[in-house]
Amino acid sequence: MTEVINKSDLIQDVSARCDYIPDADVDEAVREIIDLLSEKLIENNRIEVRGFGTFCLHHRDARQGRNPKTGETVMVPQKSIPHFKPGKALREDVNDKWM
C-alpha cells in the first residue's frame, strides 16, 4: 500500500534532513514555496523545475453537458486545471526504483 504524505509530513521530512535549520524556518519556507507555486499558476505562468517536472494549466472551454440523473442539458463553464508533467530524470528515477 502506498503512503500518503501531506504538507505537515513534508515539513517534518525536510526539517529532519536540515537539522541545522530551525523547524519554524523550514515550516515557513515550505509554506512559502507552495504559496509561490500556487500564485504563479494562478497568473497562468509555467513553472519548470529541471530534473523534477513542469507545472502548468490546461484550459478547458465551456461546453454543454448532461445531468446524469435527470438527463437535463446543462452548461459546464470554462475552467483551468493544474497539470504536472514529470521531468525525464524523475521518470527514470521512479522507474529504476520500481523495476
N, C-alpha and C. Protein backbone atom coordinates (compact mmCIF):
# COMPACT_ATOMS: atom_id res chain seq x y z
N MET A 1 0.85 -1.19 0.00
CA MET A 1 0.00 0.00 0.00
C MET A 1 0.89 1.25 0.00
N THR A 2 0.48 2.26 -0.74
CA THR A 2 1.29 3.47 -0.82
C THR A 2 1.02 4.36 0.39
N GLU A 3 2.03 5.11 0.74
CA GLU A 3 1.94 6.02 1.87
C GLU A 3 1.49 7.39 1.36
N VAL A 4 0.63 8.03 2.11
CA VAL A 4 0.18 9.38 1.77
C VAL A 4 1.01 10.35 2.60
N ILE A 5 1.60 11.33 1.92
CA ILE A 5 2.40 12.33 2.61
C ILE A 5 1.71 13.67 2.43
N ASN A 6 1.37 14.31 3.53
CA ASN A 6 0.72 15.62 3.45
C ASN A 6 1.75 16.72 3.72
N LYS A 7 1.30 17.95 3.75
CA LYS A 7 2.21 19.09 3.90
C LYS A 7 2.98 19.01 5.22
N SER A 8 2.31 18.63 6.29
CA SER A 8 2.98 18.53 7.60
C SER A 8 4.09 17.48 7.57
N ASP A 9 3.81 16.34 6.90
CA ASP A 9 4.83 15.29 6.78
C ASP A 9 6.03 15.79 5.97
N LEU A 10 5.74 16.51 4.90
CA LEU A 10 6.80 17.07 4.07
C LEU A 10 7.68 18.02 4.88
N ILE A 11 7.05 18.87 5.67
CA ILE A 11 7.78 19.81 6.51
C ILE A 11 8.65 19.06 7.51
N GLN A 12 8.12 18.02 8.14
CA GLN A 12 8.90 17.22 9.09
C GLN A 12 10.08 16.54 8.42
N ASP A 13 9.87 15.98 7.22
CA ASP A 13 10.95 15.31 6.50
C ASP A 13 12.06 16.28 6.12
N VAL A 14 11.70 17.45 5.61
CA VAL A 14 12.70 18.45 5.25
C VAL A 14 13.43 18.91 6.51
N SER A 15 12.71 19.12 7.58
CA SER A 15 13.31 19.56 8.84
C SER A 15 14.30 18.52 9.37
N ALA A 16 13.96 17.24 9.23
CA ALA A 16 14.86 16.18 9.69
C ALA A 16 16.14 16.14 8.87
N ARG A 17 16.04 16.42 7.59
CA ARG A 17 17.24 16.42 6.73
C ARG A 17 18.09 17.67 6.93
N CYS A 18 17.47 18.75 7.35
CA CYS A 18 18.19 20.02 7.55
C CYS A 18 18.20 20.36 9.04
N ASP A 19 18.85 19.51 9.83
CA ASP A 19 18.79 19.68 11.29
C ASP A 19 19.48 20.96 11.76
N TYR A 20 20.23 21.62 10.90
CA TYR A 20 20.89 22.88 11.26
C TYR A 20 19.99 24.09 11.05
N ILE A 21 18.82 23.88 10.45
CA ILE A 21 17.85 24.97 10.24
C ILE A 21 16.70 24.77 11.21
N PRO A 22 16.32 25.81 11.95
CA PRO A 22 15.22 25.69 12.90
C PRO A 22 13.92 25.22 12.23
N ASP A 23 13.16 24.38 12.94
CA ASP A 23 11.91 23.83 12.40
C ASP A 23 10.96 24.91 11.92
N ALA A 24 10.88 26.00 12.65
CA ALA A 24 9.96 27.08 12.27
C ALA A 24 10.36 27.68 10.92
N ASP A 25 11.66 27.79 10.66
CA ASP A 25 12.13 28.33 9.38
C ASP A 25 11.82 27.38 8.23
N VAL A 26 11.99 26.08 8.46
CA VAL A 26 11.66 25.08 7.44
C VAL A 26 10.17 25.13 7.14
N ASP A 27 9.35 25.21 8.18
CA ASP A 27 7.89 25.29 8.03
C ASP A 27 7.53 26.49 7.16
N GLU A 28 8.09 27.64 7.48
CA GLU A 28 7.78 28.86 6.73
C GLU A 28 8.25 28.75 5.28
N ALA A 29 9.44 28.19 5.06
CA ALA A 29 9.99 28.07 3.71
C ALA A 29 9.12 27.15 2.84
N VAL A 30 8.73 26.00 3.37
CA VAL A 30 7.90 25.07 2.60
C VAL A 30 6.56 25.71 2.27
N ARG A 31 5.95 26.36 3.25
CA ARG A 31 4.66 27.02 3.00
C ARG A 31 4.78 28.14 1.97
N GLU A 32 5.88 28.91 2.03
CA GLU A 32 6.10 29.99 1.07
C GLU A 32 6.30 29.44 -0.34
N ILE A 33 7.04 28.34 -0.47
CA ILE A 33 7.26 27.73 -1.79
C ILE A 33 5.93 27.27 -2.38
N ILE A 34 5.11 26.61 -1.57
CA ILE A 34 3.82 26.14 -2.06
C ILE A 34 2.93 27.32 -2.45
N ASP A 35 2.92 28.37 -1.62
CA ASP A 35 2.13 29.57 -1.94
C ASP A 35 2.62 30.22 -3.24
N LEU A 36 3.94 30.29 -3.41
CA LEU A 36 4.50 30.91 -4.61
C LEU A 36 4.14 30.10 -5.87
N LEU A 37 4.23 28.78 -5.78
CA LEU A 37 3.84 27.94 -6.91
C LEU A 37 2.37 28.18 -7.26
N SER A 38 1.52 28.23 -6.24
CA SER A 38 0.09 28.48 -6.48
C SER A 38 -0.14 29.83 -7.14
N GLU A 39 0.53 30.87 -6.63
CA GLU A 39 0.37 32.21 -7.20
C GLU A 39 0.79 32.25 -8.66
N LYS A 40 1.90 31.62 -8.97
CA LYS A 40 2.39 31.63 -10.35
C LYS A 40 1.44 30.88 -11.28
N LEU A 41 0.87 29.78 -10.82
CA LEU A 41 -0.11 29.07 -11.63
C LEU A 41 -1.36 29.92 -11.84
N ILE A 42 -1.81 30.59 -10.79
CA ILE A 42 -2.99 31.46 -10.89
C ILE A 42 -2.75 32.55 -11.93
N GLU A 43 -1.50 33.03 -12.02
CA GLU A 43 -1.15 34.06 -13.02
C GLU A 43 -0.92 33.45 -14.40
N ASN A 44 -1.18 32.15 -14.54
CA ASN A 44 -1.05 31.41 -15.80
C ASN A 44 0.41 31.28 -16.25
N ASN A 45 1.33 31.26 -15.30
CA ASN A 45 2.73 31.04 -15.61
C ASN A 45 3.03 29.55 -15.63
N ARG A 46 4.05 29.18 -16.37
CA ARG A 46 4.53 27.80 -16.41
C ARG A 46 5.72 27.72 -15.46
N ILE A 47 5.74 26.69 -14.62
CA ILE A 47 6.81 26.52 -13.64
C ILE A 47 7.60 25.28 -14.03
N GLU A 48 8.88 25.48 -14.28
CA GLU A 48 9.73 24.36 -14.69
C GLU A 48 10.84 24.17 -13.67
N VAL A 49 10.90 22.98 -13.08
CA VAL A 49 11.95 22.63 -12.14
C VAL A 49 12.78 21.54 -12.82
N ARG A 50 13.95 21.91 -13.32
CA ARG A 50 14.78 20.98 -14.10
C ARG A 50 15.03 19.69 -13.33
N GLY A 51 14.84 18.57 -13.99
CA GLY A 51 15.06 17.27 -13.39
C GLY A 51 13.87 16.77 -12.59
N PHE A 52 12.93 17.64 -12.26
CA PHE A 52 11.76 17.25 -11.47
C PHE A 52 10.52 17.22 -12.33
N GLY A 53 10.18 18.37 -12.91
CA GLY A 53 8.99 18.41 -13.75
C GLY A 53 8.49 19.82 -14.00
N THR A 54 7.35 19.88 -14.68
CA THR A 54 6.76 21.15 -15.07
C THR A 54 5.32 21.23 -14.59
N PHE A 55 4.96 22.38 -14.05
CA PHE A 55 3.59 22.66 -13.63
C PHE A 55 3.02 23.69 -14.61
N CYS A 56 1.80 23.47 -15.07
CA CYS A 56 1.15 24.44 -15.94
C CYS A 56 -0.36 24.26 -15.81
N LEU A 57 -1.09 25.09 -16.52
CA LEU A 57 -2.54 24.99 -16.52
C LEU A 57 -3.01 24.46 -17.86
N HIS A 58 -3.97 23.56 -17.84
CA HIS A 58 -4.67 23.14 -19.05
C HIS A 58 -6.02 23.82 -19.01
N HIS A 59 -6.36 24.49 -20.09
CA HIS A 59 -7.61 25.26 -20.14
C HIS A 59 -8.67 24.45 -20.88
N ARG A 60 -9.82 24.38 -20.27
CA ARG A 60 -10.95 23.68 -20.89
C ARG A 60 -12.03 24.70 -21.23
N ASP A 61 -12.50 24.65 -22.46
CA ASP A 61 -13.55 25.57 -22.91
C ASP A 61 -14.89 25.20 -22.27
N ALA A 62 -15.78 26.18 -22.27
CA ALA A 62 -17.15 25.93 -21.81
C ALA A 62 -17.79 24.94 -22.78
N ARG A 63 -18.67 24.12 -22.26
CA ARG A 63 -19.31 23.12 -23.12
C ARG A 63 -20.68 22.78 -22.57
N GLN A 64 -21.42 22.08 -23.39
CA GLN A 64 -22.73 21.60 -22.96
C GLN A 64 -22.55 20.21 -22.37
N GLY A 65 -23.09 20.01 -21.17
CA GLY A 65 -23.03 18.72 -20.53
C GLY A 65 -24.43 18.21 -20.25
N ARG A 66 -24.49 17.07 -19.61
CA ARG A 66 -25.79 16.49 -19.31
C ARG A 66 -25.78 16.00 -17.87
N ASN A 67 -26.84 16.33 -17.13
CA ASN A 67 -27.01 15.84 -15.77
C ASN A 67 -27.34 14.34 -15.87
N PRO A 68 -26.48 13.48 -15.32
CA PRO A 68 -26.72 12.04 -15.48
C PRO A 68 -27.98 11.53 -14.78
N LYS A 69 -28.40 12.24 -13.74
CA LYS A 69 -29.61 11.81 -13.02
C LYS A 69 -30.88 12.13 -13.79
N THR A 70 -30.95 13.36 -14.31
CA THR A 70 -32.19 13.82 -14.94
C THR A 70 -32.12 13.81 -16.46
N GLY A 71 -30.92 13.77 -17.02
CA GLY A 71 -30.77 13.85 -18.46
C GLY A 71 -30.86 15.28 -18.98
N GLU A 72 -31.06 16.23 -18.08
CA GLU A 72 -31.19 17.64 -18.44
C GLU A 72 -29.86 18.17 -18.98
N THR A 73 -29.93 19.00 -20.01
CA THR A 73 -28.74 19.65 -20.56
C THR A 73 -28.35 20.82 -19.68
N VAL A 74 -27.05 20.90 -19.34
CA VAL A 74 -26.54 21.99 -18.51
C VAL A 74 -25.27 22.55 -19.16
N MET A 75 -24.99 23.81 -18.90
CA MET A 75 -23.75 24.41 -19.39
C MET A 75 -22.66 24.21 -18.35
N VAL A 76 -21.55 23.68 -18.80
CA VAL A 76 -20.38 23.50 -17.93
C VAL A 76 -19.45 24.67 -18.26
N PRO A 77 -19.12 25.50 -17.26
CA PRO A 77 -18.31 26.69 -17.54
C PRO A 77 -16.86 26.32 -17.89
N GLN A 78 -16.18 27.27 -18.53
CA GLN A 78 -14.76 27.05 -18.82
C GLN A 78 -14.00 26.97 -17.51
N LYS A 79 -12.88 26.25 -17.53
CA LYS A 79 -12.08 26.15 -16.31
C LYS A 79 -10.64 25.83 -16.66
N SER A 80 -9.78 26.07 -15.70
CA SER A 80 -8.36 25.78 -15.84
C SER A 80 -8.01 24.69 -14.85
N ILE A 81 -7.28 23.68 -15.32
CA ILE A 81 -6.92 22.54 -14.50
C ILE A 81 -5.40 22.54 -14.31
N PRO A 82 -4.91 22.54 -13.05
CA PRO A 82 -3.46 22.42 -12.84
C PRO A 82 -2.97 21.06 -13.35
N HIS A 83 -1.82 21.08 -14.01
CA HIS A 83 -1.26 19.87 -14.61
C HIS A 83 0.21 19.77 -14.26
N PHE A 84 0.67 18.55 -13.94
CA PHE A 84 2.08 18.31 -13.66
C PHE A 84 2.61 17.29 -14.65
N LYS A 85 3.71 17.61 -15.28
CA LYS A 85 4.37 16.67 -16.19
C LYS A 85 5.75 16.38 -15.61
N PRO A 86 6.00 15.14 -15.20
CA PRO A 86 7.29 14.81 -14.61
C PRO A 86 8.43 14.96 -15.61
N GLY A 87 9.58 15.39 -15.11
CA GLY A 87 10.76 15.51 -15.95
C GLY A 87 11.40 14.15 -16.20
N LYS A 88 12.31 14.12 -17.16
CA LYS A 88 12.95 12.88 -17.56
C LYS A 88 13.69 12.23 -16.38
N ALA A 89 14.44 13.02 -15.62
CA ALA A 89 15.22 12.47 -14.50
C ALA A 89 14.30 11.85 -13.45
N LEU A 90 13.18 12.50 -13.14
CA LEU A 90 12.24 11.97 -12.16
C LEU A 90 11.61 10.68 -12.68
N ARG A 91 11.20 10.67 -13.95
CA ARG A 91 10.61 9.44 -14.52
C ARG A 91 11.60 8.29 -14.46
N GLU A 92 12.85 8.55 -14.82
CA GLU A 92 13.86 7.49 -14.80
C GLU A 92 14.13 7.00 -13.39
N ASP A 93 14.23 7.93 -12.43
CA ASP A 93 14.45 7.54 -11.02
C ASP A 93 13.32 6.66 -10.51
N VAL A 94 12.09 7.07 -10.80
CA VAL A 94 10.92 6.30 -10.33
C VAL A 94 10.91 4.92 -10.99
N ASN A 95 11.15 4.87 -12.28
CA ASN A 95 11.15 3.59 -12.98
C ASN A 95 12.27 2.67 -12.50
N ASP A 96 13.46 3.23 -12.23
CA ASP A 96 14.58 2.42 -11.75
C ASP A 96 14.30 1.84 -10.37
N LYS A 97 13.59 2.58 -9.53
CA LYS A 97 13.30 2.12 -8.17
C LYS A 97 12.22 1.04 -8.14
N TRP A 98 11.30 1.07 -9.12
CA TRP A 98 10.16 0.15 -9.12
C TRP A 98 10.36 -1.06 -10.02
N MET A 99 11.45 -1.12 -10.74
CA MET A 99 11.66 -2.27 -11.64
C MET A 99 12.57 -3.29 -11.03
